[in-house]
Amino acid sequence: MIEQAAEERWKEYETGKITQYTSGTVNELTPQSTAIDREFYGFYRTPRGEFTPASSTKELTTHSTLTSNVKFMNFYPFNDIETISPRPMLFVAGENAHSIEFSEDAYRLAAEPKELLIVPGAGHVDLYDRTDLIPFEKITGFFKKSLEVK
């Protein structure tokens, strides 16, 4: 991947254009689309969450470039997570989120004080904007308690 990205970076330098994009939300749904494809499409490819900057196109929003993905090769968000303590951490995940395991892993690795809040019936993107599912009272209570001046 590093070699491929290095070659791409050289092409971008020579042409002044980005030629390879990776991952991101699918641009159309098909019968083969996965549940994750459908969930993210329902947010990022509909008026619910779609936004196209003037410098991009609707087809490219959410698609990162091959060269920018290399920056994540040495990034592991759980490295040294225990060093955040004793600062309180609240992990929030939807019960049906495909990403719930990341919140559970982060919670397991974190030192105290910590809380894991699983939101019943919520998927991953539901917690972006589904105000009927977002547990505002619990989140507010956590921050009031955690940020209390002692």
C-alpha atoms as a PDB file:
ATOM      1  CA  MET A   1       0.000   0.000   0.000  1.00  0.00           C
ATOM      2  CA  ILE A   2       2.846   2.398   0.820  1.00  0.00           C
ATOM      3  CA  GLU A   3       4.493   1.733  -2.530  1.00  0.00           C
ATOM      4  CA  GLN A   4       1.206   2.226  -4.381  1.00  0.00           C
ATOM      5  CA  ALA A   5       0.550   5.471  -2.488  1.00  0.00           C
ATOM      6  CA  ALA A   6       4.088   6.726  -3.219  1.00  0.00           C
ATOM      7  CA  GLU A   7       3.553   6.101  -6.941  1.00  0.00           C
ATOM      8  CA  GLU A   8       0.198   7.879  -6.733  1.00  0.00           C
ATOM      9  CA  ARG A   9       1.765  10.845  -4.948  1.00  0.00           C
ATOM     10  CA  TRP A  10       4.294  11.150  -7.784  1.00  0.00           C
ATOM     11  CA  LYS A  11       1.469  11.045 -10.383  1.00  0.00           C
ATOM     12  CA  GLU A  12      -0.392  13.740  -8.471  1.00  0.00           C
ATOM     13  CA  TYR A  13       2.742  15.892  -8.475  1.00  0.00           C
ATOM     14  CA  GLU A  14       3.286  15.410 -12.220  1.00  0.00           C
ATOM     15  CA  THR A  15      -0.341  15.911 -13.276  1.00  0.00           C
ATOM     16  CA  GLY A  16      -1.639  18.169 -10.536  1.00  0.00           C
ATOM     17  CA  LYS A  17      -4.660  15.837 -10.276  1.00  0.00           C
ATOM     18  CA  ILE A  18      -5.830  13.205  -7.849  1.00  0.00           C
ATOM     19  CA  THR A  19      -6.434   9.944  -9.683  1.00  0.00           C
ATOM     20  CA  GLN A  20      -7.201   7.347  -6.995  1.00  0.00           C
ATOM     21  CA  TYR A  21      -9.826   7.415  -4.289  1.00  0.00           C
ATOM     22  CA  THR A  22     -10.591   4.746  -1.717  1.00  0.00           C
ATOM     23  CA  SER A  23     -13.359   3.548   0.569  1.00  0.00           C
ATOM     24  CA  GLY A  24     -16.211   5.846   1.509  1.00  0.00           C
ATOM     25  CA  THR A  25     -19.947   5.684   1.021  1.00  0.00           C
ATOM     26  CA  VAL A  26     -21.223   3.893  -2.068  1.00  0.00           C
ATOM     27  CA  ASN A  27     -22.643   6.187  -4.737  1.00  0.00           C
ATOM     28  CA  GLU A  28     -25.601   3.943  -5.497  1.00  0.00           C
ATOM     29  CA  LEU A  29     -27.348   1.012  -3.873  1.00  0.00           C
ATOM     30  CA  THR A  30     -27.602  -2.350  -5.599  1.00  0.00           C
ATOM     31  CA  PRO A  31     -29.132  -5.670  -4.564  1.00  0.00           C
ATOM     32  CA  GLN A  32     -25.611  -6.634  -3.414  1.00  0.00           C
ATOM     33  CA  SER A  33     -25.215  -3.579  -1.152  1.00  0.00           C
ATOM     34  CA  THR A  34     -24.485  -4.506   2.455  1.00  0.00           C
ATOM     35  CA  ALA A  35     -26.404  -3.300   5.484  1.00  0.00           C
ATOM     36  CA  ILE A  36     -23.500  -0.944   6.252  1.00  0.00           C
ATOM     37  CA  ASP A  37     -23.609   0.420   2.682  1.00  0.00           C
ATOM     38  CA  ARG A  38     -27.331   1.058   3.104  1.00  0.00           C
ATOM     39  CA  GLU A  39     -26.969   2.719   6.504  1.00  0.00           C
ATOM     40  CA  PHE A  40     -24.251   5.130   5.378  1.00  0.00           C
ATOM     41  CA  TYR A  41     -25.988   5.775   2.035  1.00  0.00           C
ATOM     42  CA  GLY A  42     -29.117   6.717   3.983  1.00  0.00           C
ATOM     43  CA  PHE A  43     -27.155   9.502   5.630  1.00  0.00           C
ATOM     44  CA  TYR A  44     -24.378  10.646   3.293  1.00  0.00           C
ATOM     45  CA  ARG A  45     -26.199  10.224  -0.039  1.00  0.00           C
ATOM     46  CA  THR A  46     -29.528  11.771   0.913  1.00  0.00           C
ATOM     47  CA  PRO A  47     -30.587  15.259   2.008  1.00  0.00           C
ATOM     48  CA  ARG A  48     -30.318  13.967   5.584  1.00  0.00           C
ATOM     49  CA  GLY A  49     -26.534  14.371   5.590  1.00  0.00           C
ATOM     50  CA  GLU A  50     -25.206  14.948   2.070  1.00  0.00           C
ATOM     51  CA  PHE A  51     -22.987  17.990   1.603  1.00  0.00           C
ATOM     52  CA  THR A  52     -20.788  18.655  -1.388  1.00  0.00           C
ATOM     53  CA  PRO A  53     -18.110  21.320  -1.000  1.00  0.00           C
ATOM     54  CA  ALA A  54     -17.548  23.568  -4.015  1.00  0.00           C
ATOM     55  CA  SER A  55     -14.132  21.956  -4.509  1.00  0.00           C
ATOM     56  CA  SER A  56     -15.560  18.432  -4.865  1.00  0.00           C
ATOM     57  CA  THR A  57     -18.310  16.427  -6.513  1.00  0.00           C
ATOM     58  CA  LYS A  58     -21.194  14.493  -5.016  1.00  0.00           C
ATOM     59  CA  GLU A  59     -19.553  11.251  -6.183  1.00  0.00           C
ATOM     60  CA  LEU A  60     -16.350  11.986  -4.246  1.00  0.00           C
ATOM     61  CA  THR A  61     -17.700  13.196  -0.915  1.00  0.00           C
ATOM     62  CA  THR A  62     -16.697  10.731   1.825  1.00  0.00           C
ATOM     63  CA  HIS A  63     -14.076   9.118  -0.459  1.00  0.00           C
ATOM     64  CA  SER A  64     -10.554   9.713   0.789  1.00  0.00           C
ATOM     65  CA  THR A  65      -7.570   9.788  -1.530  1.00  0.00           C
ATOM     66  CA  LEU A  66      -5.146   6.898  -1.690  1.00  0.00           C
ATOM     67  CA  THR A  67      -2.294   9.177  -0.643  1.00  0.00           C
ATOM     68  CA  SER A  68      -4.160  10.510   2.405  1.00  0.00           C
ATOM     69  CA  ASN A  69      -4.922   6.984   3.645  1.00  0.00           C
ATOM     70  CA  VAL A  70      -1.206   6.358   4.188  1.00  0.00           C
ATOM     71  CA  LYS A  71      -1.323   8.798   7.106  1.00  0.00           C
ATOM     72  CA  PHE A  72      -3.482   6.281   8.972  1.00  0.00           C
ATOM     73  CA  MET A  73      -0.989   3.426   8.598  1.00  0.00           C
ATOM     74  CA  ASN A  74       0.811   4.326  11.834  1.00  0.00           C
ATOM     75  CA  PHE A  75      -2.238   5.619  13.686  1.00  0.00           C
ATOM     76  CA  TYR A  76      -3.858   3.347  16.241  1.00  0.00           C
ATOM     77  CA  PRO A  77      -6.341   5.278  18.358  1.00  0.00           C
ATOM     78  CA  PHE A  78      -6.085   2.912  21.335  1.00  0.00           C
ATOM     79  CA  ASN A  79      -2.346   3.369  21.852  1.00  0.00           C
ATOM     80  CA  ASP A  80      -1.837   4.875  25.275  1.00  0.00           C
ATOM     81  CA  ILE A  81      -5.584   5.294  25.897  1.00  0.00           C
ATOM     82  CA  GLU A  82      -4.988   4.526  29.566  1.00  0.00           C
ATOM     83  CA  THR A  83      -2.856   7.666  29.853  1.00  0.00           C
ATOM     84  CA  ILE A  84      -5.936   9.851  29.457  1.00  0.00           C
ATOM     85  CA  SER A  85      -6.908   8.948  33.011  1.00  0.00           C
ATOM     86  CA  PRO A  86      -7.809  10.227  35.462  1.00  0.00           C
ATOM     87  CA  ARG A  87      -9.876  12.288  33.039  1.00  0.00           C
ATOM     88  CA  PRO A  88     -13.376  10.798  32.703  1.00  0.00           C
ATOM     89  CA  MET A  89     -14.286   9.168  29.390  1.00  0.00           C
ATOM     90  CA  LEU A  90     -17.760   8.462  28.069  1.00  0.00           C
ATOM     91  CA  PHE A  91     -18.033   5.998  25.182  1.00  0.00           C
ATOM     92  CA  VAL A  92     -21.340   6.095  23.314  1.00  0.00           C
ATOM     93  CA  ALA A  93     -22.393   3.494  20.758  1.00  0.00           C
ATOM     94  CA  GLY A  94     -25.580   2.376  19.113  1.00  0.00           C
ATOM     95  CA  GLU A  95     -26.754  -1.085  20.057  1.00  0.00           C
ATOM     96  CA  ASN A  96     -26.965  -2.008  16.359  1.00  0.00           C
ATOM     97  CA  ALA A  97     -23.861  -0.128  15.219  1.00  0.00           C
ATOM     98  CA  HIS A  98     -21.420  -2.132  13.137  1.00  0.00           C
ATOM     99  CA  SER A  99     -18.732  -0.175  15.004  1.00  0.00           C
ATOM    100  CA  ILE A 100     -19.871  -1.094  18.535  1.00  0.00           C
ATOM    101  CA  GLU A 101     -16.860  -3.357  19.021  1.00  0.00           C
ATOM    102  CA  PHE A 102     -14.535  -0.336  18.776  1.00  0.00           C
ATOM    103  CA  SER A 103     -16.358   1.406  21.614  1.00  0.00           C
ATOM    104  CA  GLU A 104     -16.327  -1.785  23.673  1.00  0.00           C
ATOM    105  CA  ASP A 105     -12.596  -2.289  23.007  1.00  0.00           C
ATOM    106  CA  ALA A 106     -11.796   1.328  23.869  1.00  0.00           C
ATOM    107  CA  TYR A 107     -13.824   1.052  27.066  1.00  0.00           C
ATOM    108  CA  ARG A 108     -12.056  -2.168  28.028  1.00  0.00           C
ATOM    109  CA  LEU A 109      -8.621  -0.607  27.436  1.00  0.00           C
ATOM    110  CA  ALA A 110      -9.338   2.712  29.148  1.00  0.00           C
ATOM    111  CA  ALA A 111      -8.550   3.293  32.794  1.00  0.00           C
ATOM    112  CA  GLU A 112     -11.066   4.666  35.271  1.00  0.00           C
ATOM    113  CA  PRO A 113     -13.115   6.756  35.475  1.00  0.00           C
ATOM    114  CA  LYS A 114     -15.049   5.621  32.427  1.00  0.00           C
ATOM    115  CA  GLU A 115     -18.553   4.796  31.262  1.00  0.00           C
ATOM    116  CA  LEU A 116     -19.905   2.861  28.306  1.00  0.00           C
ATOM    117  CA  LEU A 117     -23.346   3.929  27.114  1.00  0.00           C
ATOM    118  CA  ILE A 118     -25.063   1.627  24.627  1.00  0.00           C
ATOM    119  CA  VAL A 119     -28.062   3.317  23.012  1.00  0.00           C
ATOM    120  CA  PRO A 120     -30.903   0.804  22.487  1.00  0.00           C
ATOM    121  CA  GLY A 121     -32.158   0.513  18.912  1.00  0.00           C
ATOM    122  CA  ALA A 122     -29.542   2.875  17.446  1.00  0.00           C
ATOM    123  CA  GLY A 123     -27.179   2.197  14.569  1.00  0.00           C
ATOM    124  CA  HIS A 124     -23.918   3.989  13.878  1.00  0.00           C
ATOM    125  CA  VAL A 125     -25.196   7.032  11.958  1.00  0.00           C
ATOM    126  CA  ASP A 126     -28.394   7.295  14.003  1.00  0.00           C
ATOM    127  CA  LEU A 127     -26.359   9.040  16.672  1.00  0.00           C
ATOM    128  CA  TYR A 128     -25.362  11.759  14.187  1.00  0.00           C
ATOM    129  CA  ASP A 129     -28.816  13.304  13.945  1.00  0.00           C
ATOM    130  CA  ARG A 130     -31.668  11.167  15.311  1.00  0.00           C
ATOM    131  CA  THR A 131     -32.467  13.424  18.237  1.00  0.00           C
ATOM    132  CA  ASP A 132     -35.117  11.001  19.494  1.00  0.00           C
ATOM    133  CA  LEU A 133     -32.373   8.391  20.022  1.00  0.00           C
ATOM    134  CA  ILE A 134     -29.514  10.566  21.272  1.00  0.00           C
ATOM    135  CA  PRO A 135     -29.409  10.298  25.095  1.00  0.00           C
ATOM    136  CA  PHE A 136     -28.926  14.011  25.776  1.00  0.00           C
ATOM    137  CA  GLU A 137     -29.842  13.757  29.477  1.00  0.00           C
ATOM    138  CA  LYS A 138     -27.273  11.035  30.124  1.00  0.00           C
ATOM    139  CA  ILE A 139     -24.568  12.871  28.169  1.00  0.00           C
ATOM    140  CA  THR A 140     -25.361  16.165  29.909  1.00  0.00           C
ATOM    141  CA  GLY A 141     -25.301  14.463  33.300  1.00  0.00           C
ATOM    142  CA  PHE A 142     -21.945  12.863  32.555  1.00  0.00           C
ATOM    143  CA  PHE A 143     -20.365  16.175  31.604  1.00  0.00           C
ATOM    144  CA  LYS A 144     -21.904  18.087  34.517  1.00  0.00           C
ATOM    145  CA  LYS A 145     -20.528  15.502  36.931  1.00  0.00           C
ATOM    146  CA  SER A 146     -17.168  15.134  35.183  1.00  0.00           C
ATOM    147  CA  LEU A 147     -16.525  18.840  34.723  1.00  0.00           C
ATOM    148  CA  GLU A 148     -17.618  19.771  38.209  1.00  0.00           C
ATOM    149  CA  VAL A 149     -15.209  22.189  39.884  1.00  0.00           C
ATOM    150  CA  LYS A 150     -13.929  20.637  43.086  1.00  0.00           C
END
